[in-house]
Amino acid sequence: MLFQRFSPFLICFFALLCSGLCSERINPAGIRGAIILSAESVNDESLQKFYDFSGEEPKIVILVLDGSKTSKDHATTIQEKISKEKVNVSKLLTLESDTVQENIKTATGLWLVGQGPESLKNCEYLDSIKSLINRRAVLGAGGRLIEGFGISGADIFPGAEIRYSLAEELKQKRGTVRYDFAKGSSLILRGRAMRLLGEGEINITLAASDTRKEKNIILNEGSRAADLTALRFAAVARNGPDFPPQKLSDPRVEKGALIIIGGGAMPRAVTKRFIQIAGGDQASIVVLPTAVPDSMVEDSGSIANAFRKLGAKEVTVLSERTLSKVDGDEYLQVLKRATGIWFGGGRQWRFVDAYHDTKALGLMREVLKKGGVIMGSSAGASIQAEYLVRGNPLGNQDMMAEGYEKGLGFLEGVAVDQHFAERNRFKDLASVVDRFPQILGIGIDEGTALIVKGPVGLVQGKGQVHFYDRRKETKDADKDYESVGRGGRYQLVQRKVLNPGKAEEKKDQKD
């Protein structure tokens, strides 16, 4: 009787739960192979790239998806152009051929020809065509057929709505990215990197949300590159709750400590403090060099050795970034033992790619709950905040990069920038809090650390930490922030300087 009474509620609850837990995690790496799409049915530059991507020993298949004479003529022309590069590397097939499946399975490149998107969506060999991308091969098409690559068709181009230049206007679905191909334009998607070919333009659109206007990104001769993952993250975020929310949680660390360093030389006293909080000679330290390119991962050995010399019992470097590794048993077992975590420098978007929506991130938060410590410098400082600055994978100049605005959130309600005074980033952080005044902006100089316990941050090192609070006016008309020097403390929840520290005192005395 009790179940029957509440069954509608339970059914609704489990439906919502499943929708949250069962939603597919976006793969930051993009696709395994390559896709080339052209607004023109036959485009020389696109075909040249298609051939180049087909490998040192290309095996190319040109598949006609319908029986129209126009499609067959286009396929013949395409084969002739490819054959100019090297003879006997391509086969022209129609759906009536007995060897279509066999040839698709072994092709290094597959060019599809058809008059409309339906011919791809309804193709009996669609599963084989999709699997070709997973073999790191290249898939190409031109003309109206390219619309069939989007989510309303064969769903080959991740998260995309694709419109051919002559397509009728349709309302965009929220949560998708729309690509409008103008005449003469072509696009290469390889992994996560997108690049425009040709002289035409491609208009990329993010649909409006309740709080954000429709956003258009134009790929043209002046700006040819875009990032698939950032666009997909941004589209999904626009389809969910607003971020950052108007009401943010208070910035405090209930248990354990955060050590947030502004880059440059790390103060030795701060490093010792890190080991001490982590348990001294019983400390289990995890080093995460995730933010650097793979070629630089080995350099993390020096910081690991420094932690060992300071007495840590166990130091483990975890350099993997794929979901299968990050959420694998070996990785998770190390994080379960961890009493301290080090986030290294580099590019902060790589931390997001590796750890968003993972079990590993939950275990990192458990380190704090157990009274442990998380420390990071440069990119490893910014990633600790709830709001992430400089997250654009295409460059670190954009303070607010939609799609990469969520940090790992160890310190809620804040945005953290680094290399602050040295790179004159004062106006940069001001632009963030002007846009989102609910955020507390924190800028940290090189060689300087903000050590956060509870709601209070203690400044250590040679420089200063600068706090931006748009809830109040600063006393100094020449600056819109408050600075705290070595030994000084700042109340993060009350947004109040408790002690300005030595740097501020010296300046006052000099004045």
Protein backbone atom coordinates (compact mmCIF):
# COMPACT_ATOMS: atom_id res chain seq x y z
CA MET A 1 0.00 0.00 0.00
CA LEU A 2 2.80 2.40 0.88
CA PHE A 3 4.57 1.80 -2.44
CA GLN A 4 1.33 2.19 -4.35
CA ARG A 5 0.66 5.48 -2.56
CA PHE A 6 4.03 6.96 -3.45
CA SER A 7 4.70 5.13 -6.72
CA PRO A 8 4.16 8.21 -8.95
CA PHE A 9 6.72 10.13 -6.87
CA LEU A 10 9.17 7.23 -6.93
CA ILE A 11 8.80 6.75 -10.64
CA CYS A 12 9.47 10.44 -11.23
CA PHE A 13 12.42 10.42 -8.83
CA PHE A 14 14.11 7.43 -10.44
CA ALA A 15 13.50 8.85 -13.89
CA LEU A 16 15.27 12.07 -12.91
CA LEU A 17 18.04 10.11 -11.20
CA CYS A 18 18.60 7.97 -14.26
CA SER A 19 18.62 10.97 -16.58
CA GLY A 20 21.43 12.47 -14.49
CA LEU A 21 23.45 9.31 -14.03
CA CYS A 22 22.90 7.74 -17.43
CA SER A 23 23.67 10.80 -19.57
CA GLU A 24 26.69 10.20 -21.75
CA ARG A 25 29.87 11.97 -20.71
CA ILE A 26 31.34 14.07 -23.50
CA ASN A 27 34.64 12.61 -24.61
CA PRO A 28 37.05 15.57 -24.52
CA ALA A 29 39.28 13.94 -27.12
CA GLY A 30 36.60 14.27 -29.78
CA ILE A 31 36.59 11.64 -32.53
CA ARG A 32 39.29 9.07 -33.19
CA GLY A 33 39.57 9.65 -36.92
CA ALA A 34 38.75 12.60 -39.16
CA ILE A 35 35.70 14.06 -40.89
CA ILE A 36 35.83 16.39 -43.89
CA LEU A 37 32.64 18.16 -44.93
CA SER A 38 32.26 20.52 -47.88
CA ALA A 39 29.41 22.75 -49.00
CA GLU A 40 30.39 21.84 -52.58
CA SER A 41 29.68 18.38 -53.95
CA VAL A 42 33.16 18.37 -55.47
CA ASN A 43 35.87 20.51 -53.88
CA ASP A 44 39.53 20.17 -54.83
CA GLU A 45 41.02 21.35 -51.53
CA SER A 46 38.77 19.05 -49.49
CA LEU A 47 39.62 16.06 -51.67
CA GLN A 48 43.34 16.83 -51.34
CA LYS A 49 43.08 16.85 -47.52
CA PHE A 50 40.97 13.71 -47.66
CA TYR A 51 43.69 11.96 -49.63
CA ASP A 52 46.42 13.27 -47.31
CA PHE A 53 44.57 11.91 -44.25
CA SER A 54 44.05 8.49 -45.84
CA GLY A 55 47.46 7.21 -44.78
CA GLU A 56 50.77 6.26 -46.37
CA GLU A 57 49.12 3.31 -48.08
CA PRO A 58 45.66 4.70 -48.82
CA LYS A 59 42.73 2.46 -49.54
CA ILE A 60 39.93 4.78 -50.58
CA VAL A 61 36.31 3.90 -51.21
CA ILE A 62 33.85 6.25 -52.93
CA LEU A 63 30.34 5.09 -52.10
CA VAL A 64 27.24 6.32 -53.95
CA LEU A 65 24.28 6.31 -51.57
CA ASP A 66 21.50 6.79 -54.12
CA GLY A 67 20.81 5.91 -57.73
CA SER A 68 20.67 9.41 -59.19
CA LYS A 69 22.71 10.22 -62.29
CA THR A 70 23.99 13.40 -60.61
CA SER A 71 25.44 11.42 -57.71
CA LYS A 72 27.11 8.92 -60.03
CA ASP A 73 28.61 11.73 -62.11
CA HIS A 74 29.95 13.43 -58.97
CA ALA A 75 31.43 10.15 -57.76
CA THR A 76 33.18 9.60 -61.09
CA THR A 77 34.63 13.13 -60.97
CA ILE A 78 35.82 12.60 -57.39
CA GLN A 79 37.50 9.32 -58.32
CA GLU A 80 39.26 10.97 -61.25
CA LYS A 81 40.60 13.79 -59.05
CA ILE A 82 41.83 11.37 -56.39
CA SER A 83 43.44 9.15 -59.05
CA LYS A 84 45.59 12.07 -60.13
CA GLU A 85 47.47 11.67 -56.85
CA LYS A 86 48.10 7.97 -57.26
CA VAL A 87 46.47 5.34 -59.40
CA ASN A 88 44.70 2.26 -58.06
CA VAL A 89 44.05 3.63 -54.58
CA SER A 90 40.29 4.14 -54.91
CA LYS A 91 37.19 2.11 -55.66
CA LEU A 92 33.85 3.50 -56.77
CA LEU A 93 30.97 1.49 -55.37
CA THR A 94 27.19 1.68 -55.38
CA LEU A 95 24.90 0.14 -52.80
CA GLU A 96 24.14 -2.68 -55.23
CA SER A 97 27.71 -3.92 -55.07
CA ASP A 98 28.31 -7.22 -53.26
CA THR A 99 31.52 -5.96 -51.67
CA VAL A 100 30.37 -2.73 -49.97
CA GLN A 101 30.63 -4.06 -46.40
CA GLU A 102 34.00 -5.68 -47.01
CA ASN A 103 35.49 -2.57 -48.60
CA ILE A 104 34.22 -0.19 -45.90
CA LYS A 105 35.76 -2.36 -43.19
CA THR A 106 39.22 -2.15 -44.76
CA ALA A 107 39.11 1.41 -46.13
CA THR A 108 41.46 4.09 -44.80
CA GLY A 109 39.23 6.73 -46.39
CA LEU A 110 35.54 6.71 -47.31
CA TRP A 111 33.95 9.47 -49.39
CA LEU A 112 30.16 9.43 -49.45
CA VAL A 113 28.14 10.78 -52.37
CA GLY A 114 24.40 11.45 -52.28
CA GLN A 115 21.74 14.04 -53.05
CA GLY A 116 20.29 14.45 -49.56
CA PRO A 117 20.77 13.65 -45.87
CA GLU A 118 18.12 10.91 -45.89
CA SER A 119 20.31 8.70 -48.07
CA LEU A 120 22.92 8.60 -45.28
CA LYS A 121 20.50 8.28 -42.39
CA ASN A 122 18.74 5.33 -44.02
CA CYS A 123 21.85 3.62 -45.36
CA GLU A 124 22.00 -0.08 -44.49
CA TYR A 125 25.75 0.20 -43.94
CA LEU A 126 25.51 3.08 -41.46
CA ASP A 127 26.99 1.11 -38.54
CA SER A 128 30.01 0.17 -40.64
CA ILE A 129 30.42 3.78 -41.76
CA LYS A 130 30.42 4.97 -38.13
CA SER A 131 32.90 2.29 -37.08
CA LEU A 132 35.30 3.53 -39.74
CA ILE A 133 35.86 6.71 -37.69
CA ASN A 134 36.80 4.59 -34.66
CA ARG A 135 39.55 2.99 -36.75
CA ARG A 136 41.16 6.42 -37.13
CA ALA A 137 40.22 6.54 -40.80
CA VAL A 138 38.84 9.60 -42.62
CA LEU A 139 35.24 10.12 -43.73
CA GLY A 140 34.21 12.79 -46.23
CA ALA A 141 31.15 14.16 -48.01
CA GLY A 142 29.92 17.25 -49.86
CA GLY A 143 26.75 19.08 -50.85
CA ARG A 144 23.42 18.58 -49.09
CA LEU A 145 24.54 15.18 -47.87
CA ILE A 146 26.57 16.86 -45.11
CA GLU A 147 23.36 17.65 -43.22
CA GLY A 148 23.01 13.92 -42.61
CA PHE A 149 26.12 13.94 -40.40
CA GLY A 150 24.28 15.87 -37.66
CA ILE A 151 22.17 14.61 -34.78
CA SER A 152 18.96 14.75 -36.81
CA GLY A 153 20.52 12.42 -39.35
CA ALA A 154 23.14 9.72 -38.89
CA ASP A 155 24.64 11.42 -35.78
CA ILE A 156 28.26 11.08 -36.88
CA PHE A 157 29.45 14.64 -36.13
CA PRO A 158 29.20 14.85 -32.30
CA GLY A 159 26.51 17.15 -30.91
CA ALA A 160 26.04 18.99 -34.21
CA GLU A 161 23.21 20.37 -36.27
CA ILE A 162 24.55 20.89 -39.79
CA ARG A 163 22.94 23.13 -42.36
CA TYR A 164 23.88 23.21 -46.01
CA SER A 165 24.02 26.70 -47.52
CA LEU A 166 20.63 26.33 -49.24
CA ALA A 167 18.83 24.69 -46.31
CA GLU A 168 15.63 26.18 -44.95
CA GLU A 169 15.61 27.94 -41.59
CA LEU A 170 14.88 25.58 -38.69
CA LYS A 171 14.79 26.32 -34.98
CA GLN A 172 17.92 25.06 -33.26
CA LYS A 173 17.64 22.51 -30.49
CA ARG A 174 19.10 23.57 -27.18
CA GLY A 175 22.11 21.54 -26.17
CA THR A 176 23.42 21.37 -29.74
CA VAL A 177 25.95 23.31 -31.81
CA ARG A 178 24.78 24.44 -35.24
CA TYR A 179 27.11 24.75 -38.23
CA ASP A 180 25.93 26.76 -41.24
CA PHE A 181 28.09 26.10 -44.30
CA ALA A 182 28.25 29.00 -46.77
CA LYS A 183 29.12 28.49 -50.40
CA GLY A 184 32.75 27.49 -50.93
CA SER A 185 33.37 26.44 -47.33
CA SER A 186 34.73 23.15 -46.02
CA LEU A 187 35.50 21.93 -42.50
CA ILE A 188 37.98 19.43 -41.15
CA LEU A 189 37.28 17.78 -37.79
CA ARG A 190 40.23 15.76 -36.53
CA GLY A 191 40.10 14.65 -32.91
CA ARG A 192 38.68 17.78 -31.29
CA ALA A 193 40.30 20.34 -33.56
CA MET A 194 38.19 21.98 -36.24
CA ARG A 195 39.62 24.01 -39.10
CA LEU A 196 38.06 25.87 -42.00
CA LEU A 197 39.15 25.16 -45.56
CA GLY A 198 38.52 27.38 -48.55
CA GLU A 199 37.37 30.96 -48.90
CA GLY A 200 33.79 30.57 -47.64
CA GLU A 201 32.53 31.03 -44.09
CA ILE A 202 31.03 28.72 -41.52
CA ASN A 203 28.73 30.24 -38.91
CA ILE A 204 28.76 28.31 -35.63
CA THR A 205 25.79 29.00 -33.33
CA LEU A 206 25.06 28.31 -29.68
CA ALA A 207 21.33 28.60 -28.98
CA ALA A 208 20.15 31.20 -26.50
CA SER A 209 19.45 30.13 -22.92
CA ASP A 210 17.33 31.85 -20.28
CA THR A 211 20.23 34.11 -19.31
CA ARG A 212 22.58 34.05 -22.31
CA LYS A 213 21.97 35.44 -25.76
CA GLU A 214 22.49 33.41 -28.90
CA LYS A 215 26.20 33.26 -29.64
CA ASN A 216 27.71 33.22 -33.14
CA ILE A 217 31.27 32.26 -33.98
CA ILE A 218 32.37 32.92 -37.56
CA LEU A 219 35.09 30.80 -39.13
CA ASN A 220 36.67 32.72 -42.00
CA GLU A 221 40.08 33.68 -43.35
CA GLY A 222 40.82 35.68 -40.21
CA SER A 223 39.78 33.00 -37.71
CA ARG A 224 39.84 29.47 -39.04
CA ALA A 225 40.02 27.31 -35.90
CA ALA A 226 37.49 26.13 -33.31
CA ASP A 227 37.45 23.51 -30.58
CA LEU A 228 34.77 20.82 -30.71
CA THR A 229 34.90 19.99 -27.00
CA ALA A 230 34.56 23.58 -25.80
CA LEU A 231 31.59 24.11 -28.10
CA ARG A 232 29.90 20.92 -26.90
CA PHE A 233 30.51 21.79 -23.24
CA ALA A 234 29.07 25.26 -23.83
CA ALA A 235 25.98 23.92 -25.61
CA VAL A 236 25.25 21.41 -22.85
CA ALA A 237 25.81 24.06 -20.16
CA ARG A 238 23.29 26.34 -21.86
CA ASN A 239 20.77 23.53 -21.67
CA GLY A 240 21.23 23.16 -17.90
CA PRO A 241 21.21 25.35 -14.79
CA ASP A 242 22.82 28.79 -15.06
CA PHE A 243 26.52 28.98 -14.26
CA PRO A 244 27.73 30.72 -12.29
CA PRO A 245 24.50 30.91 -10.28
CA GLN A 246 23.43 34.27 -8.86
CA LYS A 247 23.73 32.86 -5.33
CA LEU A 248 27.09 31.22 -4.75
CA SER A 249 28.14 29.09 -1.81
CA ASP A 250 30.44 30.72 0.73
CA PRO A 251 34.16 30.26 0.05
CA ARG A 252 35.36 28.17 2.96
CA VAL A 253 37.25 24.92 3.52
CA GLU A 254 35.42 23.11 6.31
CA LYS A 255 38.14 20.52 6.84
CA GLY A 256 41.70 20.25 5.66
CA ALA A 257 43.38 23.05 3.74
CA LEU A 258 43.93 24.48 0.28
CA ILE A 259 47.27 25.98 -0.74
CA ILE A 260 46.91 28.14 -3.83
CA ILE A 261 50.18 29.40 -5.39
CA GLY A 262 50.48 32.07 -8.06
CA GLY A 263 53.20 30.36 -10.08
CA GLY A 264 56.93 30.95 -10.19
CA ALA A 265 59.32 29.67 -7.54
CA MET A 266 57.44 27.88 -4.79
CA PRO A 267 58.22 29.12 -1.26
CA ARG A 268 60.08 26.34 0.58
CA ALA A 269 58.23 27.07 3.81
CA VAL A 270 54.92 26.56 1.99
CA THR A 271 56.07 23.23 0.60
CA LYS A 272 57.05 22.10 4.09
CA ARG A 273 53.64 23.23 5.32
CA PHE A 274 52.01 21.13 2.62
CA ILE A 275 53.83 17.98 3.76
CA GLN A 276 53.10 18.76 7.39
CA ILE A 277 49.35 19.15 6.86
CA ALA A 278 49.34 15.98 4.73
CA GLY A 279 50.71 13.96 7.65
CA GLY A 280 54.48 14.50 7.69
CA ASP A 281 56.37 11.22 7.50
CA GLN A 282 53.03 9.42 7.10
CA ALA A 283 51.90 11.58 4.17
CA SER A 284 50.64 9.97 0.98
CA ILE A 285 51.06 12.54 -1.80
CA VAL A 286 49.56 12.38 -5.29
CA VAL A 287 51.25 14.45 -8.01
CA LEU A 288 49.06 15.41 -10.97
CA PRO A 289 51.04 16.74 -13.98
CA THR A 290 47.85 16.63 -16.03
CA ALA A 291 47.96 20.24 -17.22
CA VAL A 292 51.13 19.85 -19.31
CA PRO A 293 51.42 18.16 -22.72
CA ASP A 294 52.34 14.47 -22.72
CA SER A 295 55.89 15.32 -23.79
CA MET A 296 56.46 17.24 -20.53
CA VAL A 297 55.00 14.74 -18.05
CA GLU A 298 58.41 13.32 -17.13
CA ASP A 299 59.42 16.71 -15.73
CA SER A 300 57.02 16.11 -12.82
CA GLY A 301 59.60 13.77 -11.31
CA SER A 302 61.48 16.72 -9.82
CA ILE A 303 58.53 17.92 -7.75
CA ALA A 304 57.81 14.35 -6.67
CA ASN A 305 61.42 13.97 -5.49
CA ALA A 306 61.18 17.26 -3.60
CA PHE A 307 58.19 15.93 -1.68
CA ARG A 308 60.09 12.72 -0.90
CA LYS A 309 63.09 14.66 0.39
CA LEU A 310 60.80 16.58 2.72
CA GLY A 311 59.79 13.28 4.33
CA ALA A 312 56.58 12.14 2.64
CA LYS A 313 56.06 8.40 3.12
CA GLU A 314 54.51 7.83 -0.31
CA VAL A 315 54.57 9.97 -3.47
CA THR A 316 52.73 8.77 -6.57
CA VAL A 317 52.66 10.50 -9.95
CA LEU A 318 49.36 10.00 -11.80
CA SER A 319 49.77 11.25 -15.34
CA GLU A 320 46.87 9.55 -17.12
CA ARG A 321 43.94 11.63 -18.41
CA THR A 322 41.54 9.28 -20.18
CA LEU A 323 38.34 8.33 -18.36
CA SER A 324 39.18 4.62 -18.35
CA LYS A 325 42.47 5.34 -16.54
CA VAL A 326 41.32 8.19 -14.28
CA ASP A 327 38.35 6.19 -13.03
CA GLY A 328 40.18 2.86 -13.15
CA ASP A 329 40.84 0.82 -10.00
CA GLU A 330 44.58 1.57 -9.87
CA TYR A 331 44.03 5.33 -10.03
CA LEU A 332 41.17 5.32 -7.53
CA GLN A 333 43.02 3.17 -5.00
CA VAL A 334 45.89 5.67 -4.93
CA LEU A 335 43.47 8.58 -4.42
CA LYS A 336 41.73 6.74 -1.59
CA ARG A 337 45.06 6.61 0.29
CA ALA A 338 45.98 10.20 -0.51
CA THR A 339 46.39 12.77 2.25
CA GLY A 340 47.75 15.46 -0.07
CA ILE A 341 47.32 16.28 -3.77
CA TRP A 342 49.55 18.47 -5.94
CA PHE A 343 48.10 20.10 -9.08
CA GLY A 344 50.93 21.20 -11.37
CA GLY A 345 51.15 24.07 -13.85
CA GLY A 346 50.35 24.12 -17.54
CA ARG A 347 46.94 24.72 -19.11
CA GLN A 348 43.97 24.41 -16.79
CA TRP A 349 41.54 23.10 -19.43
CA ARG A 350 43.40 19.79 -19.36
CA PHE A 351 42.37 19.31 -15.72
CA VAL A 352 38.73 19.84 -16.72
CA ASP A 353 39.00 17.31 -19.53
CA ALA A 354 40.54 14.69 -17.29
CA TYR A 355 38.47 15.00 -14.11
CA HIS A 356 35.03 16.50 -14.79
CA ASP A 357 32.20 14.15 -13.82
CA THR A 358 34.55 11.46 -12.49
CA LYS A 359 34.80 9.27 -9.42
CA ALA A 360 38.35 10.56 -9.08
CA LEU A 361 37.11 14.10 -8.46
CA GLY A 362 34.90 12.83 -5.65
CA LEU A 363 37.92 11.19 -4.01
CA MET A 364 39.89 14.43 -4.29
CA ARG A 365 37.20 16.16 -2.28
CA GLU A 366 37.36 13.33 0.23
CA VAL A 367 41.03 14.22 0.86
CA LEU A 368 39.86 17.54 2.28
CA LYS A 369 37.05 15.96 4.27
CA LYS A 370 39.63 13.68 5.92
CA GLY A 371 41.66 16.73 6.98
CA GLY A 372 44.17 16.51 4.13
CA VAL A 373 45.48 19.20 1.82
CA ILE A 374 45.30 20.17 -1.86
CA MET A 375 48.03 22.39 -3.29
CA GLY A 376 48.52 23.75 -6.79
CA SER A 377 50.47 26.41 -8.66
CA SER A 378 49.69 28.44 -11.79
CA ALA A 379 47.10 26.37 -13.68
CA GLY A 380 46.96 24.21 -10.56
CA ALA A 381 45.87 27.31 -8.63
CA SER A 382 43.10 28.44 -11.00
CA ILE A 383 41.58 24.97 -11.25
CA GLN A 384 40.86 24.90 -7.50
CA ALA A 385 38.25 27.66 -7.86
CA GLU A 386 34.57 27.23 -8.65
CA TYR A 387 34.80 29.63 -11.60
CA LEU A 388 37.67 28.87 -13.99
CA VAL A 389 39.51 31.68 -15.77
CA ARG A 390 41.70 31.32 -18.88
CA GLY A 391 40.14 27.97 -19.76
CA ASN A 392 40.02 28.33 -23.55
CA PRO A 393 41.90 25.40 -25.15
CA LEU A 394 42.79 27.65 -28.12
CA GLY A 395 44.69 30.17 -25.96
CA ASN A 396 44.98 31.51 -22.41
CA GLN A 397 44.02 35.14 -23.09
CA ASP A 398 40.25 34.68 -22.76
CA MET A 399 39.28 35.16 -19.13
CA MET A 400 35.77 33.81 -19.65
CA ALA A 401 35.76 30.86 -22.04
CA GLU A 402 32.26 29.44 -22.38
CA GLY A 403 32.42 25.67 -22.13
CA TYR A 404 35.41 25.87 -19.79
CA GLU A 405 34.05 28.09 -17.00
CA LYS A 406 33.72 25.41 -14.32
CA GLY A 407 36.74 24.69 -12.20
CA LEU A 408 37.00 21.69 -9.88
CA GLY A 409 35.35 23.77 -7.16
CA PHE A 410 37.44 23.00 -4.08
CA LEU A 411 36.98 26.67 -3.12
CA GLU A 412 33.46 27.75 -4.00
CA GLY A 413 32.33 31.25 -4.86
CA VAL A 414 35.69 32.44 -6.25
CA ALA A 415 37.77 32.83 -9.40
CA VAL A 416 41.56 32.58 -9.11
CA ASP A 417 44.11 34.09 -11.50
CA GLN A 418 47.90 33.68 -11.19
CA HIS A 419 51.22 35.25 -12.31
CA PHE A 420 49.24 38.31 -11.34
CA ALA A 421 51.39 41.41 -10.81
CA GLU A 422 54.23 40.02 -12.92
CA ARG A 423 51.98 39.81 -16.00
CA ASN A 424 49.88 42.86 -15.09
CA ARG A 425 46.62 40.94 -14.97
CA PHE A 426 44.72 43.43 -12.79
CA LYS A 427 42.25 44.52 -15.48
CA ASP A 428 41.80 40.92 -16.66
CA LEU A 429 40.32 39.75 -13.38
CA ALA A 430 38.29 42.95 -13.07
CA SER A 431 36.48 41.99 -16.29
CA VAL A 432 35.34 38.72 -14.68
CA VAL A 433 33.88 40.24 -11.52
CA ASP A 434 32.31 43.05 -13.56
CA ARG A 435 30.48 40.39 -15.57
CA PHE A 436 29.73 38.21 -12.54
CA PRO A 437 29.72 40.47 -9.44
CA GLN A 438 28.67 37.56 -7.22
CA ILE A 439 32.16 36.06 -7.64
CA LEU A 440 35.05 36.95 -5.34
CA GLY A 441 38.09 37.49 -7.57
CA ILE A 442 41.49 36.41 -6.25
CA GLY A 443 44.72 37.33 -8.03
CA ILE A 444 47.95 35.79 -6.72
CA ASP A 445 51.48 36.99 -7.46
CA GLU A 446 54.32 34.62 -8.32
CA GLY A 447 56.15 33.03 -5.42
CA THR A 448 53.12 33.69 -3.24
CA ALA A 449 50.61 31.34 -1.64
CA LEU A 450 47.14 31.72 -0.21
CA ILE A 451 46.60 29.07 2.46
CA VAL A 452 42.89 28.58 3.13
CA LYS A 453 41.48 26.97 6.26
CA GLY A 454 37.87 27.51 7.16
CA PRO A 455 36.80 30.93 5.83
CA VAL A 456 40.22 32.58 6.22
CA GLY A 457 43.10 32.83 3.76
CA LEU A 458 46.66 33.37 5.02
CA VAL A 459 49.21 34.91 2.62
CA GLN A 460 52.76 33.54 2.52
CA GLY A 461 55.65 34.25 0.17
CA LYS A 462 57.30 37.25 -1.46
CA GLY A 463 54.33 38.88 -3.20
CA GLN A 464 50.72 39.75 -2.55
CA VAL A 465 47.23 38.38 -3.03
CA HIS A 466 44.65 40.76 -4.51
CA PHE A 467 40.92 40.48 -3.76
CA TYR A 468 38.14 41.84 -6.00
CA ASP A 469 34.77 42.38 -4.32
CA ARG A 470 32.11 44.14 -6.38
CA ARG A 471 29.80 44.27 -3.37
CA LYS A 472 31.70 47.27 -2.01
CA GLU A 473 33.77 50.20 -3.14
CA THR A 474 37.48 50.26 -2.41
CA LYS A 475 38.95 53.19 -0.48
CA ASP A 476 41.67 53.80 -3.06
CA ALA A 477 40.17 55.45 -6.16
CA ASP A 478 43.10 54.23 -8.27
CA LYS A 479 42.38 50.55 -7.76
CA ASP A 480 39.31 48.32 -7.52
CA TYR A 481 40.82 45.61 -5.33
CA GLU A 482 42.38 45.10 -1.90
CA SER A 483 45.87 43.64 -1.50
CA VAL A 484 47.21 41.48 1.32
CA GLY A 485 50.91 40.78 1.79
CA ARG A 486 53.00 38.19 3.61
CA GLY A 487 51.55 37.19 6.96
CA GLY A 488 48.29 38.95 6.20
CA ARG A 489 44.87 37.32 6.40
CA TYR A 490 41.62 37.74 4.50
CA GLN A 491 38.13 36.66 5.60
CA LEU A 492 36.72 35.09 2.43
CA VAL A 493 33.08 34.83 3.52
CA GLN A 494 32.88 38.35 4.96
CA ARG A 495 35.16 39.62 2.16
CA LYS A 496 37.20 41.57 4.68
CA VAL A 497 40.91 42.21 5.21
CA LEU A 498 41.76 41.00 8.72
CA ASN A 499 45.44 41.90 8.51
CA PRO A 500 47.06 43.58 5.45
CA GLY A 501 50.40 41.87 6.03
CA LYS A 502 53.93 43.19 5.56
CA ALA A 503 53.74 44.32 1.95
CA GLU A 504 50.82 46.64 2.65
CA GLU A 505 52.43 47.93 5.86
CA LYS A 506 55.64 48.86 4.02
CA LYS A 507 53.72 50.73 1.38
CA ASP A 508 51.77 52.68 4.02
CA GLN A 509 54.98 53.60 5.83
CA LYS A 510 56.61 54.79 2.60
CA ASP A 511 53.60 56.96 1.77
